[in-house]
Amino acid sequence: MRKLDLHGKKHEEVLVLVEDYVLENQRRLPIKIITGNSKKMKSYCYEILDKYNMKYFVPAHNLGEIIILQ
């Protein structure tokens, strides 16, 4: 599964990184975004995923990642 790791990324760059990653890989789903525990980082990701009506979930065993299904 392809993944985007946001550790060490600045909040300002996250919106662009996530949007580019999702659009470039929308035909290769499922994909993963590793957010870590930052609530702000997660909210930026959710904003982009919701913008494109992507289906996603946060696995119970790792709350620091988002799996995008569709």
PDB file of N, CA and C in Angstrom:
ATOM      1  N   MET A   1       0.858  -1.177   0.000  1.00  0.00           N
ATOM      2  CA  MET A   1       0.000   0.000   0.000  1.00  0.00           C
ATOM      3  C   MET A   1       0.905   1.241   0.000  1.00  0.00           C
ATOM      4  N   ARG A   2       0.601   2.180  -0.874  1.00  0.00           N
ATOM      5  CA  ARG A   2       1.354   3.433  -0.922  1.00  0.00           C
ATOM      6  C   ARG A   2       1.044   4.253   0.325  1.00  0.00           C
ATOM      7  N   LYS A   3       2.040   5.031   0.767  1.00  0.00           N
ATOM      8  CA  LYS A   3       1.800   5.845   1.958  1.00  0.00           C
ATOM      9  C   LYS A   3       2.510   7.184   1.860  1.00  0.00           C
ATOM     10  N   LEU A   4       1.909   8.161   2.508  1.00  0.00           N
ATOM     11  CA  LEU A   4       2.476   9.495   2.651  1.00  0.00           C
ATOM     12  C   LEU A   4       2.713   9.700   4.136  1.00  0.00           C
ATOM     13  N   ASP A   5       3.960   9.924   4.518  1.00  0.00           N
ATOM     14  CA  ASP A   5       4.312  10.127   5.919  1.00  0.00           C
ATOM     15  C   ASP A   5       4.481  11.624   6.165  1.00  0.00           C
ATOM     16  N   LEU A   6       3.673  12.175   7.033  1.00  0.00           N
ATOM     17  CA  LEU A   6       3.691  13.613   7.308  1.00  0.00           C
ATOM     18  C   LEU A   6       4.573  13.983   8.496  1.00  0.00           C
ATOM     19  N   HIS A   7       5.253  13.018   9.093  1.00  0.00           N
ATOM     20  CA  HIS A   7       6.163  13.337  10.198  1.00  0.00           C
ATOM     21  C   HIS A   7       7.228  14.306   9.705  1.00  0.00           C
ATOM     22  N   GLY A   8       7.435  15.351  10.467  1.00  0.00           N
ATOM     23  CA  GLY A   8       8.452  16.335  10.131  1.00  0.00           C
ATOM     24  C   GLY A   8       8.003  17.395   9.137  1.00  0.00           C
ATOM     25  N   LYS A   9       6.784  17.276   8.629  1.00  0.00           N
ATOM     26  CA  LYS A   9       6.259  18.268   7.677  1.00  0.00           C
ATOM     27  C   LYS A   9       5.618  19.410   8.455  1.00  0.00           C
ATOM     28  N   LYS A  10       5.718  20.605   7.903  1.00  0.00           N
ATOM     29  CA  LYS A  10       5.113  21.772   8.537  1.00  0.00           C
ATOM     30  C   LYS A  10       3.620  21.820   8.196  1.00  0.00           C
ATOM     31  N   HIS A  11       2.852  22.324   9.122  1.00  0.00           N
ATOM     32  CA  HIS A  11       1.404  22.393   8.918  1.00  0.00           C
ATOM     33  C   HIS A  11       1.057  23.156   7.644  1.00  0.00           C
ATOM     34  N   GLU A  12       1.840  24.184   7.315  1.00  0.00           N
ATOM     35  CA  GLU A  12       1.545  24.992   6.131  1.00  0.00           C
ATOM     36  C   GLU A  12       1.639  24.178   4.837  1.00  0.00           C
ATOM     37  N   GLU A  13       2.482  23.166   4.804  1.00  0.00           N
ATOM     38  CA  GLU A  13       2.661  22.387   3.572  1.00  0.00           C
ATOM     39  C   GLU A  13       1.703  21.210   3.457  1.00  0.00           C
ATOM     40  N   VAL A  14       1.026  20.878   4.538  1.00  0.00           N
ATOM     41  CA  VAL A  14       0.213  19.661   4.558  1.00  0.00           C
ATOM     42  C   VAL A  14      -0.947  19.696   3.564  1.00  0.00           C
ATOM     43  N   LEU A  15      -1.660  20.807   3.465  1.00  0.00           N
ATOM     44  CA  LEU A  15      -2.806  20.862   2.556  1.00  0.00           C
ATOM     45  C   LEU A  15      -2.388  20.553   1.123  1.00  0.00           C
ATOM     46  N   VAL A  16      -1.286  21.126   0.676  1.00  0.00           N
ATOM     47  CA  VAL A  16      -0.814  20.895  -0.686  1.00  0.00           C
ATOM     48  C   VAL A  16      -0.301  19.466  -0.841  1.00  0.00           C
ATOM     49  N   LEU A  17       0.479  18.993   0.116  1.00  0.00           N
ATOM     50  CA  LEU A  17       1.029  17.629   0.039  1.00  0.00           C
ATOM     51  C   LEU A  17      -0.073  16.580  -0.022  1.00  0.00           C
ATOM     52  N   VAL A  18      -1.054  16.708   0.849  1.00  0.00           N
ATOM     53  CA  VAL A  18      -2.132  15.720   0.905  1.00  0.00           C
ATOM     54  C   VAL A  18      -2.986  15.783  -0.355  1.00  0.00           C
ATOM     55  N   GLU A  19      -3.316  16.972  -0.798  1.00  0.00           N
ATOM     56  CA  GLU A  19      -4.134  17.097  -2.002  1.00  0.00           C
ATOM     57  C   GLU A  19      -3.411  16.495  -3.212  1.00  0.00           C
ATOM     58  N   ASP A  20      -2.136  16.816  -3.381  1.00  0.00           N
ATOM     59  CA  ASP A  20      -1.358  16.254  -4.494  1.00  0.00           C
ATOM     60  C   ASP A  20      -1.284  14.738  -4.403  1.00  0.00           C
ATOM     61  N   TYR A  21      -1.023  14.231  -3.199  1.00  0.00           N
ATOM     62  CA  TYR A  21      -0.896  12.784  -2.986  1.00  0.00           C
ATOM     63  C   TYR A  21      -2.201  12.056  -3.319  1.00  0.00           C
ATOM     64  N   VAL A  22      -3.310  12.585  -2.842  1.00  0.00           N
ATOM     65  CA  VAL A  22      -4.610  11.952  -3.088  1.00  0.00           C
ATOM     66  C   VAL A  22      -4.953  11.964  -4.576  1.00  0.00           C
ATOM     67  N   LEU A  23      -4.749  13.091  -5.222  1.00  0.00           N
ATOM     68  CA  LEU A  23      -5.090  13.190  -6.643  1.00  0.00           C
ATOM     69  C   LEU A  23      -4.178  12.318  -7.511  1.00  0.00           C
ATOM     70  N   GLU A  24      -2.904  12.256  -7.175  1.00  0.00           N
ATOM     71  CA  GLU A  24      -1.965  11.440  -7.944  1.00  0.00           C
ATOM     72  C   GLU A  24      -2.210   9.942  -7.776  1.00  0.00           C
ATOM     73  N   ASN A  25      -2.772   9.554  -6.647  1.00  0.00           N
ATOM     74  CA  ASN A  25      -2.919   8.132  -6.337  1.00  0.00           C
ATOM     75  C   ASN A  25      -4.361   7.651  -6.280  1.00  0.00           C
ATOM     76  N   GLN A  26      -5.299   8.442  -6.763  1.00  0.00           N
ATOM     77  CA  GLN A  26      -6.707   8.071  -6.639  1.00  0.00           C
ATOM     78  C   GLN A  26      -7.063   6.814  -7.422  1.00  0.00           C
ATOM     79  N   ARG A  27      -6.244   6.413  -8.360  1.00  0.00           N
ATOM     80  CA  ARG A  27      -6.495   5.182  -9.116  1.00  0.00           C
ATOM     81  C   ARG A  27      -5.734   3.987  -8.541  1.00  0.00           C
ATOM     82  N   ARG A  28      -5.021   4.218  -7.431  1.00  0.00           N
ATOM     83  CA  ARG A  28      -4.210   3.163  -6.804  1.00  0.00           C
ATOM     84  C   ARG A  28      -4.660   2.882  -5.373  1.00  0.00           C
ATOM     85  N   LEU A  29      -5.914   3.062  -5.101  1.00  0.00           N
ATOM     86  CA  LEU A  29      -6.444   2.882  -3.744  1.00  0.00           C
ATOM     87  C   LEU A  29      -6.476   1.415  -3.362  1.00  0.00           C
ATOM     88  N   PRO A  30      -6.333   1.089  -2.102  1.00  0.00           N
ATOM     89  CA  PRO A  30      -6.235   1.975  -0.948  1.00  0.00           C
ATOM     90  C   PRO A  30      -4.828   2.569  -0.816  1.00  0.00           C
ATOM     91  N   ILE A  31      -4.785   3.731  -0.170  1.00  0.00           N
ATOM     92  CA  ILE A  31      -3.539   4.401   0.158  1.00  0.00           C
ATOM     93  C   ILE A  31      -3.596   4.826   1.620  1.00  0.00           C
ATOM     94  N   LYS A  32      -2.444   5.214   2.160  1.00  0.00           N
ATOM     95  CA  LYS A  32      -2.358   5.533   3.584  1.00  0.00           C
ATOM     96  C   LYS A  32      -1.681   6.892   3.772  1.00  0.00           C
ATOM     97  N   ILE A  33      -2.170   7.639   4.759  1.00  0.00           N
ATOM     98  CA  ILE A  33      -1.521   8.866   5.190  1.00  0.00           C
ATOM     99  C   ILE A  33      -1.163   8.690   6.658  1.00  0.00           C
ATOM    100  N   ILE A  34       0.108   8.877   6.964  1.00  0.00           N
ATOM    101  CA  ILE A  34       0.564   8.784   8.346  1.00  0.00           C
ATOM    102  C   ILE A  34       0.616  10.195   8.906  1.00  0.00           C
ATOM    103  N   THR A  35      -0.248  10.464   9.880  1.00  0.00           N
ATOM    104  CA  THR A  35      -0.381  11.814  10.426  1.00  0.00           C
ATOM    105  C   THR A  35       0.324  11.976  11.763  1.00  0.00           C
ATOM    106  N   GLY A  36       0.567  10.897  12.461  1.00  0.00           N
ATOM    107  CA  GLY A  36       1.011  11.013  13.841  1.00  0.00           C
ATOM    108  C   GLY A  36      -0.182  11.409  14.703  1.00  0.00           C
ATOM    109  N   ASN A  37       0.088  11.940  15.876  1.00  0.00           N
ATOM    110  CA  ASN A  37      -0.991  12.235  16.817  1.00  0.00           C
ATOM    111  C   ASN A  37      -1.491  13.676  16.781  1.00  0.00           C
ATOM    112  N   SER A  38      -0.972  14.491  15.872  1.00  0.00           N
ATOM    113  CA  SER A  38      -1.358  15.895  15.802  1.00  0.00           C
ATOM    114  C   SER A  38      -2.803  16.049  15.331  1.00  0.00           C
ATOM    115  N   LYS A  39      -3.630  16.648  16.181  1.00  0.00           N
ATOM    116  CA  LYS A  39      -5.031  16.881  15.810  1.00  0.00           C
ATOM    117  C   LYS A  39      -5.127  17.844  14.633  1.00  0.00           C
ATOM    118  N   LYS A  40      -4.257  18.830  14.600  1.00  0.00           N
ATOM    119  CA  LYS A  40      -4.271  19.810  13.515  1.00  0.00           C
ATOM    120  C   LYS A  40      -3.906  19.132  12.191  1.00  0.00           C
ATOM    121  N   MET A  41      -2.900  18.259  12.215  1.00  0.00           N
ATOM    122  CA  MET A  41      -2.479  17.539  11.010  1.00  0.00           C
ATOM    123  C   MET A  41      -3.630  16.672  10.496  1.00  0.00           C
ATOM    124  N   LYS A  42      -4.303  15.994  11.400  1.00  0.00           N
ATOM    125  CA  LYS A  42      -5.435  15.154  11.019  1.00  0.00           C
ATOM    126  C   LYS A  42      -6.567  15.993  10.428  1.00  0.00           C
ATOM    127  N   SER A  43      -6.843  17.149  11.038  1.00  0.00           N
ATOM    128  CA  SER A  43      -7.941  17.981  10.542  1.00  0.00           C
ATOM    129  C   SER A  43      -7.642  18.511   9.143  1.00  0.00           C
ATOM    130  N   TYR A  44      -6.395  18.833   8.846  1.00  0.00           N
ATOM    131  CA  TYR A  44      -6.022  19.246   7.486  1.00  0.00           C
ATOM    132  C   TYR A  44      -6.277  18.107   6.498  1.00  0.00           C
ATOM    133  N   CYS A  45      -5.911  16.901   6.886  1.00  0.00           N
ATOM    134  CA  CYS A  45      -6.124  15.738   6.017  1.00  0.00           C
ATOM    135  C   CYS A  45      -7.610  15.504   5.777  1.00  0.00           C
ATOM    136  N   TYR A  46      -8.399  15.549   6.835  1.00  0.00           N
ATOM    137  CA  TYR A  46      -9.842  15.338   6.696  1.00  0.00           C
ATOM    138  C   TYR A  46     -10.460  16.401   5.789  1.00  0.00           C
ATOM    139  N   GLU A  47      -9.977  17.622   5.891  1.00  0.00           N
ATOM    140  CA  GLU A  47     -10.488  18.714   5.059  1.00  0.00           C
ATOM    141  C   GLU A  47     -10.316  18.384   3.572  1.00  0.00           C
ATOM    142  N   ILE A  48      -9.135  17.914   3.203  1.00  0.00           N
ATOM    143  CA  ILE A  48      -8.871  17.571   1.799  1.00  0.00           C
ATOM    144  C   ILE A  48      -9.671  16.340   1.394  1.00  0.00           C
ATOM    145  N   LEU A  49      -9.684  15.320   2.228  1.00  0.00           N
ATOM    146  CA  LEU A  49     -10.406  14.089   1.891  1.00  0.00           C
ATOM    147  C   LEU A  49     -11.899  14.358   1.729  1.00  0.00           C
ATOM    148  N   ASP A  50     -12.446  15.186   2.578  1.00  0.00           N
ATOM    149  CA  ASP A  50     -13.864  15.532   2.465  1.00  0.00           C
ATOM    150  C   ASP A  50     -14.133  16.383   1.219  1.00  0.00           C
ATOM    151  N   LYS A  51     -13.195  17.246   0.880  1.00  0.00           N
ATOM    152  CA  LYS A  51     -13.330  18.086  -0.315  1.00  0.00           C
ATOM    153  C   LYS A  51     -13.532  17.231  -1.565  1.00  0.00           C
ATOM    154  N   TYR A  52     -12.851  16.086  -1.624  1.00  0.00           N
ATOM    155  CA  TYR A  52     -12.936  15.198  -2.785  1.00  0.00           C
ATOM    156  C   TYR A  52     -13.856  13.995  -2.547  1.00  0.00           C
ATOM    157  N   ASN A  53     -14.635  14.054  -1.474  1.00  0.00           N
ATOM    158  CA  ASN A  53     -15.590  12.982  -1.138  1.00  0.00           C
ATOM    159  C   ASN A  53     -14.931  11.615  -1.072  1.00  0.00           C
ATOM    160  N   MET A  54     -13.744  11.566  -0.516  1.00  0.00           N
ATOM    161  CA  MET A  54     -13.020  10.303  -0.383  1.00  0.00           C
ATOM    162  C   MET A  54     -13.583   9.524   0.809  1.00  0.00           C
ATOM    163  N   LYS A  55     -13.610   8.220   0.677  1.00  0.00           N
ATOM    164  CA  LYS A  55     -14.012   7.337   1.776  1.00  0.00           C
ATOM    165  C   LYS A  55     -12.746   6.922   2.501  1.00  0.00           C
ATOM    166  N   TYR A  56     -12.735   7.061   3.817  1.00  0.00           N
ATOM    167  CA  TYR A  56     -11.529   6.775   4.590  1.00  0.00           C
ATOM    168  C   TYR A  56     -11.909   6.322   5.989  1.00  0.00           C
ATOM    169  N   PHE A  57     -10.925   5.761   6.679  1.00  0.00           N
ATOM    170  CA  PHE A  57     -11.127   5.393   8.082  1.00  0.00           C
ATOM    171  C   PHE A  57      -9.796   5.470   8.817  1.00  0.00           C
ATOM    172  N   VAL A  58      -9.897   5.559  10.129  1.00  0.00           N
ATOM    173  CA  VAL A  58      -8.733   5.540  11.010  1.00  0.00           C
ATOM    174  C   VAL A  58      -8.764   4.202  11.732  1.00  0.00           C
ATOM    175  N   PRO A  59      -7.753   3.347  11.502  1.00  0.00           N
ATOM    176  CA  PRO A  59      -7.772   2.036  12.141  1.00  0.00           C
ATOM    177  C   PRO A  59      -7.623   2.140  13.665  1.00  0.00           C
ATOM    178  N   ALA A  60      -8.357   1.318  14.370  1.00  0.00           N
ATOM    179  CA  ALA A  60      -8.347   1.340  15.834  1.00  0.00           C
ATOM    180  C   ALA A  60      -6.966   1.004  16.405  1.00  0.00           C
ATOM    181  N   HIS A  61      -6.195   0.215  15.687  1.00  0.00           N
ATOM    182  CA  HIS A  61      -4.880  -0.191  16.193  1.00  0.00           C
ATOM    183  C   HIS A  61      -3.809   0.883  15.993  1.00  0.00           C
ATOM    184  N   ASN A  62      -4.102   1.924  15.173  1.00  0.00           N
ATOM    185  CA  ASN A  62      -3.139   3.006  14.960  1.00  0.00           C
ATOM    186  C   ASN A  62      -3.894   4.302  14.619  1.00  0.00           C
ATOM    187  N   LEU A  63      -4.120   5.106  15.625  1.00  0.00           N
ATOM    188  CA  LEU A  63      -4.892   6.329  15.446  1.00  0.00           C
ATOM    189  C   LEU A  63      -4.090   7.424  14.731  1.00  0.00           C
ATOM    190  N   GLY A  64      -2.837   7.163  14.435  1.00  0.00           N
ATOM    191  CA  GLY A  64      -1.981   8.118  13.749  1.00  0.00           C
ATOM    192  C   GLY A  64      -1.894   7.910  12.253  1.00  0.00           C
ATOM    193  N   GLU A  65      -2.856   7.196  11.685  1.00  0.00           N
ATOM    194  CA  GLU A  65      -2.868   7.001  10.239  1.00  0.00           C
ATOM    195  C   GLU A  65      -4.305   7.025   9.710  1.00  0.00           C
ATOM    196  N   ILE A  66      -4.410   7.333   8.447  1.00  0.00           N
ATOM    197  CA  ILE A  66      -5.704   7.360   7.766  1.00  0.00           C
ATOM    198  C   ILE A  66      -5.584   6.467   6.544  1.00  0.00           C
ATOM    199  N   ILE A  67      -6.515   5.558   6.368  1.00  0.00           N
ATOM    200  CA  ILE A  67      -6.565   4.703   5.189  1.00  0.00           C
ATOM    201  C   ILE A  67      -7.642   5.245   4.264  1.00  0.00           C
ATOM    202  N   ILE A  68      -7.256   5.554   3.039  1.00  0.00           N
ATOM    203  CA  ILE A  68      -8.214   6.064   2.040  1.00  0.00           C
ATOM    204  C   ILE A  68      -8.629   4.918   1.147  1.00  0.00           C
ATOM    205  N   LEU A  69      -9.917   4.668   1.090  1.00  0.00           N
ATOM    206  CA  LEU A  69     -10.450   3.524   0.371  1.00  0.00           C
ATOM    207  C   LEU A  69     -10.971   3.862  -1.014  1.00  0.00           C
ATOM    208  N   GLN A  70     -11.566   5.030  -1.158  1.00  0.00           N
ATOM    209  CA  GLN A  70     -12.270   5.338  -2.413  1.00  0.00           C
ATOM    210  C   GLN A  70     -12.495   6.831  -2.507  1.00  0.00           C
TER     211      GLN A  70
END
